[in-house]
Amino acid sequence: MLENDYERQRLENIEKNRKLLQELELTQTANAFRAATEKKAAAVAAASKSAPSSSKKRSRATTIKKEVPDEFLPRRTSSRLRGIAADSEVAKRKADEVEAAFKENERAKRQRVAGELSLSDIVTPGKEWDRTTNFLSDVKGERYARTFSDDDVAKTTDADLKAVRTKIMDLKLHEKFDPVDIKITPERIYCMSFHPTTSKNLVFAGDKIGNLGIFDASNPLPNPDYDSAEDEEALSHIPNISTFKLHSRSIATLSFAPDNAESIYSTSYDGSIRKLDLLAQKSDEVFAAEDCKESLHEDAAISGLDFYDPNVIYFSTLSGYLGRKDLREKSKAVTVWNCHDKKIGGFTLNPRNPWFAATASLDRTMKIWDLRKITGSGDEAKPHMVGEYESRLSVSSAIWSSNGKVVTTSYDDTVKVFDFSESKEWTKGHELTSVEPSAVVKHNNQTGRWVTILRAQWQQAPTGMQKFCIGNMNRYVDIYSESGVMLGQLGGDLVTAVPAVTVFHPTEDWIVGGSASGKVCLWT
């Protein structure tokens, strides 16, 4: 019995070709050609034996000849020697047959291999390998393994540190909703923010195609039409989520106005900044790059935003610009400076001294700027740079804490903390003699193409120890102190994706993480 349709077709083609040769009466010609070829090969072999050469060379040549696979030997023969006239119907027919056979052979090579395969059976010829090799022998640790647990808390000798670690590790996933059910945005989450209120858990998230999702974890669905107690119980477990299409491209930043928690500002890669009034339920455009073509490229993607005061905002772009916009002015003009040669991926202002800005760039630098002093003129004008740190690879973010420290995330698999709080030169706006991190944490930041870039985020108004959180590629959220000491690691069996975008509540020890599927994990 034939194994498959391909084998059956192959045998039919062989029989068809045999009959064709008989019809063309070429059998004798083929036999004569074969005899002549064998006679010539014998003569060449006899000549090579009589020629002076070393046995080693003959042995090597013989070995090489045997190693050449049959499938790489020539298959074509001359039509002239076969007695077939050029441009005849017979030659054309023969050419068609050869072409058809070639295509059939190529199709067989591309045919999908089905079923179970053993590596020992499919080793590439000439590429032998040790079958006892364990490919994962050099891999340290288990994928998705926890690197900080309750055992580490129990071993902590410092009483204050142990108290903080215990509090962080006691945080639990939101009990009412499983993370798989909390799909806050349709696409991958790019940024998140907690509403400052402490009366409820109110989470905001922006995704890669411009959707804003709002998750009210404390309240059930609004105005449900309950038909029975069973319906009420069922609906109470459905997350209260609202989604709005604010922008046409990725939302990069979500920031609440410092004097008004009723308004949230969003920046987008579509080159616009919008203000959403939660009470009036209305979104207004604050700025659009196309309105200032003379100073900023109309397609400039806006990557960051922070408040200098309630009336003045600063923003950064993926084209390396830093901009200033006065919200009280009715004109659409803004002031911009070219501060980096490549994109600015992260930007914030110092909460205590907002005239100091930190920028993180693809050009592998983190820079500190004094916005009170502008140097240069025209297109060369820019704020005075008072400090610069050069990283081995690109710097993804630079976030100020409330006590004057900056945490950066870099693709060199580190999280660094810089302390600018006690520098007298710094407070006077002079250039710093050196910019070196006060703490360096080894951290896997290789997110790849489908996971949002990891960024460390401070708790902006902590009641105790300064701390920041960052997503972990093992599907956890890591929490560190300002000195780089790990305080906790949050996760769970229900967390099935990397919570790449993480954020602290400004005052409460609540943490939320967002994934590439648009879902969130909330720890309270």
Protein backbone atom coordinates (compact mmCIF):
# COMPACT_ATOMS: atom_id res chain seq x y z
CA MET A 1 0.00 0.00 0.00
CA LEU A 2 1.33 3.43 -0.93
CA GLU A 3 2.07 5.73 1.97
CA ASN A 4 0.51 8.87 0.55
CA ASP A 5 -0.82 10.58 -2.55
CA TYR A 6 2.58 12.03 -3.35
CA GLU A 7 4.19 8.59 -3.66
CA ARG A 8 1.35 7.40 -5.90
CA GLN A 9 1.75 10.44 -8.14
CA ARG A 10 5.52 9.93 -8.32
CA LEU A 11 5.16 6.35 -9.55
CA GLU A 12 2.59 7.41 -12.12
CA ASN A 13 5.02 10.04 -13.43
CA ILE A 14 7.80 7.44 -13.74
CA GLU A 15 5.56 5.13 -15.75
CA LYS A 16 4.44 8.04 -17.90
CA ASN A 17 8.03 9.03 -18.68
CA ARG A 18 8.96 5.42 -19.53
CA LYS A 19 6.14 5.14 -22.04
CA LEU A 20 7.14 8.48 -23.55
CA LEU A 21 10.69 7.25 -24.16
CA GLN A 22 9.37 4.12 -25.81
CA GLU A 23 7.13 6.16 -28.12
CA LEU A 24 10.06 8.35 -29.15
CA GLU A 25 12.21 5.25 -29.77
CA LEU A 26 15.07 6.77 -27.79
CA THR A 27 15.92 3.70 -25.76
CA GLN A 28 18.77 2.63 -28.00
CA THR A 29 20.17 6.15 -28.15
CA ALA A 30 20.06 6.40 -24.37
CA ASN A 31 21.81 3.06 -23.95
CA ALA A 32 24.52 4.08 -26.45
CA PHE A 33 25.04 7.37 -24.63
CA ARG A 34 25.27 5.58 -21.31
CA ALA A 35 27.87 3.12 -22.69
CA ALA A 36 29.93 5.99 -24.12
CA THR A 37 29.81 7.83 -20.81
CA GLU A 38 30.93 4.78 -18.84
CA LYS A 39 33.79 4.15 -21.34
CA LYS A 40 34.97 7.76 -20.96
CA ALA A 41 34.81 7.53 -17.17
CA ALA A 42 36.89 4.33 -17.23
CA ALA A 43 39.52 5.99 -19.42
CA VAL A 44 39.75 8.95 -17.03
CA ALA A 45 40.11 6.60 -14.07
CA ALA A 46 42.91 4.69 -15.79
CA ALA A 47 44.73 7.91 -16.59
CA SER A 48 44.47 9.11 -13.00
CA LYS A 49 45.98 5.84 -11.74
CA SER A 50 48.98 6.17 -14.01
CA ALA A 51 49.59 9.82 -13.06
CA PRO A 52 52.18 10.45 -10.29
CA SER A 53 50.37 11.48 -7.11
CA SER A 54 50.47 10.70 -3.40
CA SER A 55 48.18 8.09 -1.90
CA LYS A 56 47.10 10.63 0.67
CA LYS A 57 45.78 12.97 -2.00
CA ARG A 58 43.95 10.11 -3.76
CA SER A 59 42.43 9.05 -0.47
CA ARG A 60 41.33 12.60 0.30
CA ALA A 61 39.80 13.02 -3.16
CA THR A 62 37.96 9.74 -2.80
CA THR A 63 36.64 10.75 0.62
CA ILE A 64 35.43 14.10 -0.64
CA LYS A 65 33.71 12.47 -3.58
CA LYS A 66 31.82 10.11 -1.30
CA GLU A 67 30.63 12.95 0.95
CA VAL A 68 28.86 14.76 -1.88
CA PRO A 69 25.14 13.91 -1.59
CA ASP A 70 23.53 12.46 -4.67
CA GLU A 71 20.93 15.22 -4.70
CA PHE A 72 23.66 17.78 -5.54
CA LEU A 73 25.08 15.89 -8.56
CA PRO A 74 24.21 17.11 -12.12
CA ARG A 75 20.95 15.83 -13.50
CA ARG A 76 20.87 17.50 -16.96
CA THR A 77 21.99 15.73 -20.15
CA SER A 78 22.50 17.04 -23.67
CA SER A 79 19.61 16.82 -26.14
CA ARG A 80 22.12 16.87 -29.03
CA LEU A 81 23.77 13.71 -27.75
CA ARG A 82 20.35 12.15 -27.35
CA GLY A 83 19.68 12.79 -31.04
CA ILE A 84 16.89 15.30 -30.47
CA ALA A 85 16.83 18.14 -32.97
CA ALA A 86 16.83 21.69 -31.57
CA ASP A 87 13.51 23.60 -31.60
CA SER A 88 11.62 20.44 -32.50
CA GLU A 89 8.33 19.39 -30.99
CA VAL A 90 10.11 16.53 -29.29
CA ALA A 91 12.60 18.93 -27.63
CA LYS A 92 9.84 21.22 -26.46
CA ARG A 93 7.89 18.29 -25.07
CA LYS A 94 10.99 17.05 -23.28
CA ALA A 95 11.66 20.49 -21.83
CA ASP A 96 8.10 20.67 -20.51
CA GLU A 97 8.48 17.27 -18.90
CA VAL A 98 11.72 18.29 -17.20
CA GLU A 99 10.22 21.55 -15.92
CA ALA A 100 7.17 19.72 -14.56
CA ALA A 101 9.39 17.22 -12.76
CA PHE A 102 11.45 20.06 -11.25
CA LYS A 103 8.36 21.85 -9.95
CA GLU A 104 7.04 18.61 -8.46
CA ASN A 105 10.34 18.06 -6.68
CA GLU A 106 10.32 21.61 -5.27
CA ARG A 107 6.74 21.19 -4.08
CA ALA A 108 7.71 18.01 -2.25
CA LYS A 109 10.56 19.85 -0.49
CA ARG A 110 8.16 22.53 0.78
CA GLN A 111 5.56 20.05 1.97
CA ARG A 112 4.70 20.41 5.66
CA VAL A 113 6.11 17.73 7.92
CA ALA A 114 3.37 16.36 10.16
CA GLY A 115 3.40 14.21 13.26
CA GLU A 116 5.92 13.79 16.05
CA LEU A 117 9.59 14.30 15.26
CA SER A 118 12.68 13.18 17.13
CA LEU A 119 15.68 15.49 16.89
CA SER A 120 17.96 12.50 16.43
CA ASP A 121 16.04 11.59 13.27
CA ILE A 122 16.14 15.01 11.66
CA VAL A 123 19.71 16.14 12.26
CA THR A 124 21.05 18.04 9.24
CA PRO A 125 23.67 15.94 7.38
CA GLY A 126 27.16 16.91 8.48
CA LYS A 127 25.83 18.75 11.58
CA GLU A 128 26.14 16.07 14.25
CA TRP A 129 25.36 16.96 17.87
CA ASP A 130 25.80 15.35 21.25
CA ARG A 131 22.47 13.74 22.10
CA THR A 132 23.23 14.05 25.81
CA THR A 133 23.34 17.86 25.57
CA ASN A 134 20.88 19.76 27.75
CA PHE A 135 20.15 23.04 25.99
CA LEU A 136 18.84 24.63 29.21
CA SER A 137 21.74 23.60 31.41
CA ASP A 138 23.09 27.18 31.54
CA VAL A 139 19.73 28.84 32.20
CA LYS A 140 19.53 30.00 35.78
CA GLY A 141 16.21 29.85 37.55
CA GLU A 142 12.81 28.81 36.32
CA ARG A 143 10.71 30.92 33.99
CA TYR A 144 8.06 32.89 35.89
CA ALA A 145 9.74 31.93 39.17
CA ARG A 146 9.38 34.32 42.08
CA THR A 147 12.61 36.02 43.15
CA PHE A 148 11.27 37.54 46.38
CA SER A 149 8.90 35.77 48.77
CA ASP A 150 7.59 35.74 52.32
CA ASP A 151 10.71 33.81 53.33
CA ASP A 152 12.80 36.86 52.43
CA VAL A 153 10.54 39.00 54.60
CA ALA A 154 10.93 36.60 57.52
CA LYS A 155 14.74 36.76 57.22
CA THR A 156 14.79 40.58 57.38
CA THR A 157 16.57 41.76 60.52
CA ASP A 158 15.89 45.50 60.24
CA ALA A 159 12.57 46.14 62.00
CA ASP A 160 11.52 49.15 59.92
CA LEU A 161 12.39 47.45 56.65
CA LYS A 162 10.59 44.30 57.72
CA ALA A 163 7.45 46.30 58.52
CA VAL A 164 7.43 47.89 55.07
CA ARG A 165 8.09 44.57 53.33
CA THR A 166 5.32 42.88 55.29
CA LYS A 167 2.86 45.60 54.34
CA ILE A 168 3.75 45.38 50.64
CA MET A 169 3.64 41.58 50.51
CA ASP A 170 0.25 41.59 52.25
CA LEU A 171 -1.33 43.41 49.30
CA LYS A 172 -3.88 41.20 47.56
CA LEU A 173 -5.43 41.09 44.13
CA HIS A 174 -8.83 42.73 43.91
CA GLU A 175 -11.21 40.09 45.25
CA LYS A 176 -14.32 40.94 43.28
CA PHE A 177 -12.86 40.65 39.76
CA ASP A 178 -10.31 38.32 38.25
CA PRO A 179 -7.62 40.03 36.13
CA VAL A 180 -8.73 38.08 33.07
CA ASP A 181 -12.12 39.83 33.29
CA ILE A 182 -10.80 43.38 33.72
CA LYS A 183 -10.18 44.33 30.08
CA ILE A 184 -9.96 48.08 30.41
CA THR A 185 -8.84 48.89 26.83
CA PRO A 186 -9.21 47.06 23.48
CA GLU A 187 -5.48 47.10 22.69
CA ARG A 188 -2.11 47.07 24.48
CA ILE A 189 -1.87 49.43 27.46
CA TYR A 190 0.75 52.19 27.05
CA CYS A 191 0.19 54.27 30.18
CA MET A 192 -1.84 54.25 33.40
CA SER A 193 -2.81 56.54 36.23
CA PHE A 194 -4.64 56.34 39.56
CA HIS A 195 -7.19 59.00 40.41
CA PRO A 196 -5.94 60.80 43.58
CA THR A 197 -9.13 60.04 45.50
CA THR A 198 -8.85 57.58 48.38
CA SER A 199 -12.57 56.83 48.62
CA LYS A 200 -12.48 54.43 45.70
CA ASN A 201 -10.13 52.59 43.34
CA LEU A 202 -10.43 54.53 40.09
CA VAL A 203 -7.97 53.52 37.38
CA PHE A 204 -7.29 55.19 34.01
CA ALA A 205 -5.40 53.58 31.11
CA GLY A 206 -4.47 54.58 27.55
CA ASP A 207 -3.77 52.05 24.82
CA LYS A 208 -1.78 51.91 21.56
CA ILE A 209 -4.60 53.05 19.27
CA GLY A 210 -5.81 56.03 21.34
CA ASN A 211 -8.48 54.52 23.59
CA LEU A 212 -8.94 55.74 27.16
CA GLY A 213 -10.27 53.14 29.58
CA ILE A 214 -11.71 53.96 33.03
CA PHE A 215 -12.13 51.20 35.59
CA ASP A 216 -14.17 51.87 38.74
CA ALA A 217 -13.20 48.94 40.94
CA SER A 218 -15.31 50.09 43.90
CA ASN A 219 -18.74 50.48 42.31
CA PRO A 220 -20.95 48.05 40.37
CA LEU A 221 -22.29 48.79 36.92
CA PRO A 222 -24.25 52.07 36.91
CA ASN A 223 -28.05 51.89 37.05
CA PRO A 224 -28.45 48.17 36.38
CA ASP A 225 -31.95 46.98 35.55
CA TYR A 226 -32.22 44.09 37.95
CA ASP A 227 -35.01 41.60 37.36
CA SER A 228 -34.18 39.46 40.35
CA ALA A 229 -31.70 38.96 43.15
CA GLU A 230 -29.86 36.47 40.98
CA ASP A 231 -29.41 39.09 38.26
CA GLU A 232 -28.16 41.59 40.80
CA GLU A 233 -25.61 39.10 42.09
CA ALA A 234 -24.46 38.22 38.57
CA LEU A 235 -24.09 41.83 37.45
CA SER A 236 -22.20 42.75 40.61
CA HIS A 237 -19.28 40.66 39.34
CA ILE A 238 -19.05 42.46 35.99
CA PRO A 239 -16.31 45.16 36.09
CA ASN A 240 -17.50 48.74 35.73
CA ILE A 241 -15.43 49.80 32.71
CA SER A 242 -15.93 52.69 30.29
CA THR A 243 -13.86 53.17 27.13
CA PHE A 244 -13.54 56.28 24.95
CA LYS A 245 -11.68 56.97 21.70
CA LEU A 246 -9.74 60.15 22.56
CA HIS A 247 -6.83 59.97 20.12
CA SER A 248 -5.97 58.39 16.80
CA ARG A 249 -2.63 56.95 17.97
CA SER A 250 -1.01 55.69 21.16
CA ILE A 251 -1.70 57.55 24.40
CA ALA A 252 1.71 58.11 26.01
CA THR A 253 0.86 60.02 29.22
CA LEU A 254 -2.09 60.49 31.57
CA SER A 255 -1.69 63.29 34.16
CA PHE A 256 -4.14 64.91 36.54
CA ALA A 257 -4.08 68.66 36.96
CA PRO A 258 -2.26 69.54 40.22
CA ASP A 259 -5.10 71.77 41.46
CA ASN A 260 -8.07 69.93 40.00
CA ALA A 261 -8.64 66.17 40.19
CA GLU A 262 -11.69 66.58 37.97
CA SER A 263 -9.53 66.99 34.86
CA ILE A 264 -7.07 64.57 33.30
CA TYR A 265 -4.63 65.48 30.53
CA SER A 266 -3.54 63.01 27.87
CA THR A 267 -0.70 63.17 25.35
CA SER A 268 -0.57 61.09 22.21
CA TYR A 269 1.65 60.03 19.34
CA ASP A 270 -0.90 61.74 17.06
CA GLY A 271 0.76 65.04 18.11
CA SER A 272 -1.98 66.36 20.38
CA ILE A 273 -2.68 67.09 24.04
CA ARG A 274 -6.25 66.81 25.30
CA LYS A 275 -8.01 67.71 28.54
CA LEU A 276 -10.86 65.51 29.73
CA ASP A 277 -13.32 67.08 32.18
CA LEU A 278 -14.78 64.17 34.13
CA LEU A 279 -17.71 66.18 35.50
CA ALA A 280 -18.68 67.93 32.28
CA GLN A 281 -17.89 64.71 30.38
CA LYS A 282 -16.17 66.68 27.67
CA SER A 283 -12.72 66.43 26.08
CA ASP A 284 -11.03 69.55 24.68
CA GLU A 285 -7.88 69.78 22.59
CA VAL A 286 -5.24 71.81 24.41
CA PHE A 287 -2.50 71.61 21.81
CA ALA A 288 -1.84 70.12 18.37
CA ALA A 289 1.56 69.94 16.69
CA GLU A 290 0.10 70.90 13.32
CA ASP A 291 -0.83 74.32 14.76
CA CYS A 292 2.83 75.32 15.08
CA LYS A 293 4.43 74.01 11.90
CA GLU A 294 6.95 76.85 11.93
CA SER A 295 8.65 75.56 15.10
CA LEU A 296 7.61 71.91 15.45
CA HIS A 297 7.05 69.18 12.90
CA GLU A 298 3.34 68.68 12.34
CA ASP A 299 3.64 64.92 12.89
CA ALA A 300 5.64 65.25 16.12
CA ALA A 301 4.51 62.51 18.49
CA ILE A 302 4.17 63.78 22.06
CA SER A 303 5.73 61.36 24.56
CA GLY A 304 5.45 63.10 27.94
CA LEU A 305 3.76 65.88 29.91
CA ASP A 306 4.20 67.49 33.31
CA PHE A 307 2.92 70.58 35.09
CA TYR A 308 5.18 73.52 35.95
CA ASP A 309 2.18 75.03 37.74
CA PRO A 310 -1.59 74.70 37.22
CA ASN A 311 -1.42 77.04 34.20
CA VAL A 312 1.81 75.97 32.46
CA ILE A 313 2.66 72.59 31.02
CA TYR A 314 5.85 71.21 29.56
CA PHE A 315 5.90 68.33 27.07
CA SER A 316 8.41 66.18 25.18
CA THR A 317 8.30 64.66 21.69
CA LEU A 318 9.68 61.59 19.95
CA SER A 319 11.67 63.92 17.70
CA GLY A 320 13.82 65.13 20.64
CA TYR A 321 12.03 68.41 21.45
CA LEU A 322 11.02 69.87 24.77
CA GLY A 323 8.09 72.31 24.68
CA ARG A 324 6.31 74.82 26.86
CA LYS A 325 2.60 75.77 26.67
CA ASP A 326 0.78 78.40 28.75
CA LEU A 327 -2.81 77.22 29.16
CA ARG A 328 -4.02 80.78 29.80
CA GLU A 329 -2.99 81.97 26.35
CA LYS A 330 -5.64 81.80 23.66
CA SER A 331 -3.04 81.61 20.92
CA LYS A 332 -1.91 78.20 19.68
CA ALA A 333 1.78 79.09 19.78
CA VAL A 334 4.22 77.16 21.96
CA THR A 335 7.91 77.46 22.77
CA VAL A 336 10.04 74.46 21.81
CA TRP A 337 13.72 73.53 22.13
CA ASN A 338 15.66 70.74 20.44
CA CYS A 339 17.25 69.01 23.44
CA HIS A 340 18.14 65.58 22.04
CA ASP A 341 19.17 64.24 18.65
CA LYS A 342 16.84 61.26 19.07
CA LYS A 343 13.47 60.66 20.66
CA ILE A 344 12.71 61.58 24.26
CA GLY A 345 11.00 58.55 25.74
CA GLY A 346 10.60 59.86 29.26
CA PHE A 347 10.28 63.33 30.77
CA THR A 348 9.27 64.81 34.16
CA LEU A 349 9.71 67.95 36.26
CA ASN A 350 11.05 68.11 39.79
CA PRO A 351 7.98 68.35 42.10
CA ARG A 352 9.87 70.58 44.58
CA ASN A 353 11.70 72.73 42.06
CA PRO A 354 9.70 72.46 38.81
CA TRP A 355 12.23 74.54 36.85
CA PHE A 356 14.44 71.42 36.78
CA ALA A 357 13.53 68.89 34.09
CA ALA A 358 14.82 65.34 33.52
CA THR A 359 14.76 63.80 30.05
CA ALA A 360 15.56 60.24 28.97
CA SER A 361 16.43 59.59 25.35
CA LEU A 362 17.14 56.99 22.74
CA ASP A 363 20.55 58.66 22.32
CA ARG A 364 21.55 56.79 25.53
CA THR A 365 21.59 59.83 27.81
CA MET A 366 19.68 61.14 30.79
CA LYS A 367 19.93 64.94 31.03
CA ILE A 368 18.95 67.48 33.68
CA TRP A 369 17.88 70.94 32.46
CA ASP A 370 17.41 74.29 34.19
CA LEU A 371 14.34 75.80 32.52
CA ARG A 372 15.01 79.26 34.02
CA LYS A 373 18.05 79.83 31.81
CA ILE A 374 17.94 79.59 28.02
CA THR A 375 21.25 79.40 26.17
CA GLY A 376 21.84 80.02 22.46
CA SER A 377 19.50 81.72 20.03
CA GLY A 378 17.20 80.82 17.19
CA ASP A 379 17.10 77.14 16.37
CA GLU A 380 20.07 76.58 18.69
CA ALA A 381 18.26 77.89 21.77
CA LYS A 382 17.68 75.41 24.58
CA PRO A 383 17.50 75.31 28.38
CA HIS A 384 20.76 75.24 30.29
CA MET A 385 21.91 71.64 30.82
CA VAL A 386 23.26 71.20 34.34
CA GLY A 387 23.94 67.46 34.29
CA GLU A 388 24.21 64.49 31.94
CA TYR A 389 24.59 60.76 32.42
CA GLU A 390 25.58 58.49 29.52
CA SER A 391 24.20 54.97 29.58
CA ARG A 392 25.47 51.95 27.69
CA LEU A 393 22.08 51.61 25.94
CA SER A 394 19.01 53.78 25.50
CA VAL A 395 17.28 55.26 28.55
CA SER A 396 13.51 54.65 28.60
CA SER A 397 12.36 56.93 31.41
CA ALA A 398 13.50 59.50 33.97
CA ILE A 399 11.01 60.08 36.78
CA TRP A 400 11.41 62.55 39.66
CA SER A 401 10.40 61.62 43.20
CA SER A 402 8.90 64.05 45.66
CA ASN A 403 12.21 64.30 47.54
CA GLY A 404 14.41 65.20 44.57
CA LYS A 405 15.60 61.84 43.26
CA VAL A 406 15.41 60.51 39.71
CA VAL A 407 14.85 56.88 38.77
CA THR A 408 15.75 55.77 35.25
CA THR A 409 15.03 52.59 33.32
CA SER A 410 17.44 51.51 30.62
CA TYR A 411 17.80 48.76 28.05
CA ASP A 412 21.13 47.83 29.64
CA ASP A 413 18.97 45.85 32.12
CA THR A 414 19.39 48.27 35.00
CA VAL A 415 17.23 50.57 37.06
CA LYS A 416 19.26 53.47 38.42
CA VAL A 417 18.49 56.02 41.15
CA PHE A 418 20.18 59.45 41.08
CA ASP A 419 20.20 61.63 44.19
CA PHE A 420 20.06 65.38 43.48
CA SER A 421 18.39 66.38 46.72
CA GLU A 422 21.43 67.54 48.73
CA SER A 423 23.60 69.19 46.08
CA LYS A 424 24.25 72.90 46.71
CA GLU A 425 25.53 73.37 43.17
CA TRP A 426 22.35 71.74 41.97
CA THR A 427 20.02 74.07 43.85
CA LYS A 428 21.87 77.09 42.42
CA GLY A 429 21.51 75.79 38.89
CA HIS A 430 25.22 75.34 38.24
CA GLU A 431 26.61 72.45 36.28
CA LEU A 432 27.16 69.32 38.31
CA THR A 433 30.73 68.09 38.40
CA SER A 434 29.56 64.48 38.08
CA VAL A 435 26.31 62.62 37.62
CA GLU A 436 26.52 59.09 38.98
CA PRO A 437 23.75 56.85 40.30
CA SER A 438 23.42 56.38 44.03
CA ALA A 439 21.86 52.94 43.50
CA VAL A 440 21.86 50.46 40.61
CA VAL A 441 19.39 47.58 40.44
CA LYS A 442 19.84 44.72 38.00
CA HIS A 443 16.52 44.23 36.24
CA ASN A 444 15.45 42.48 33.02
CA ASN A 445 14.11 45.26 30.75
CA GLN A 446 14.10 43.30 27.46
CA THR A 447 10.40 43.62 26.65
CA GLY A 448 10.63 42.84 22.95
CA ARG A 449 8.15 43.98 20.34
CA TRP A 450 4.82 43.08 21.90
CA VAL A 451 5.27 44.22 25.52
CA THR A 452 5.20 47.90 26.47
CA ILE A 453 8.55 49.36 27.58
CA LEU A 454 9.10 48.99 31.33
CA ARG A 455 9.23 52.25 33.31
CA ALA A 456 9.81 52.66 37.03
CA GLN A 457 7.19 54.85 38.75
CA TRP A 458 7.50 56.54 42.16
CA GLN A 459 4.76 56.78 44.72
CA GLN A 460 4.45 60.56 44.57
CA ALA A 461 3.22 61.26 48.10
CA PRO A 462 4.17 58.31 50.32
CA THR A 463 3.30 58.32 54.00
CA GLY A 464 6.54 56.55 54.88
CA MET A 465 9.48 55.22 52.91
CA GLN A 466 10.08 56.45 49.36
CA LYS A 467 9.46 53.60 46.92
CA PHE A 468 8.86 52.85 43.27
CA CYS A 469 7.35 49.99 41.29
CA ILE A 470 8.22 48.42 37.94
CA GLY A 471 6.90 45.50 35.90
CA ASN A 472 8.74 42.20 35.91
CA MET A 473 9.07 40.02 32.78
CA ASN A 474 8.30 36.99 34.99
CA ARG A 475 4.73 38.32 35.37
CA TYR A 476 5.24 40.12 38.66
CA VAL A 477 5.45 43.69 39.89
CA ASP A 478 8.65 44.61 41.75
CA ILE A 479 8.73 47.28 44.46
CA TYR A 480 12.02 48.91 45.52
CA SER A 481 13.08 51.56 48.00
CA GLU A 482 14.94 54.71 46.95
CA SER A 483 18.19 52.97 47.92
CA GLY A 484 17.50 50.06 45.57
CA VAL A 485 16.43 47.56 48.25
CA MET A 486 13.61 45.24 47.20
CA LEU A 487 10.52 45.75 49.34
CA GLY A 488 8.17 43.25 47.73
CA GLN A 489 7.08 41.32 44.67
CA LEU A 490 3.41 41.04 43.73
CA GLY A 491 1.94 38.37 41.52
CA GLY A 492 -0.30 35.35 41.61
CA ASP A 493 -1.66 32.43 39.64
CA LEU A 494 -4.31 34.67 38.10
CA VAL A 495 -1.66 37.01 36.63
CA THR A 496 -1.09 35.33 33.26
CA ALA A 497 0.57 38.21 31.37
CA VAL A 498 3.40 40.66 32.04
CA PRO A 499 2.03 43.71 33.94
CA ALA A 500 4.42 45.94 31.99
CA VAL A 501 2.77 49.29 32.80
CA THR A 502 2.66 49.82 36.56
CA VAL A 503 1.72 52.74 38.77
CA PHE A 504 1.35 53.53 42.48
CA HIS A 505 -1.58 55.40 43.93
CA PRO A 506 -0.18 58.82 45.00
CA THR A 507 -0.85 58.29 48.72
CA GLU A 508 -2.18 54.76 49.29
CA ASP A 509 -0.27 51.50 48.92
CA TRP A 510 -2.35 50.47 45.92
CA ILE A 511 -0.66 49.25 42.78
CA VAL A 512 -2.08 48.53 39.34
CA GLY A 513 -0.41 46.85 36.39
CA GLY A 514 -1.52 46.77 32.75
CA SER A 515 -0.72 44.15 30.12
CA ALA A 516 -0.46 43.87 26.34
CA SER A 517 -3.99 42.48 26.14
CA GLY A 518 -5.52 45.62 27.68
CA LYS A 519 -6.21 43.93 31.01
CA VAL A 520 -5.21 45.13 34.47
CA CYS A 521 -4.23 43.62 37.81
CA LEU A 522 -5.11 45.65 40.90
CA TRP A 523 -3.49 45.09 44.29
CA THR A 524 -5.01 46.77 47.34
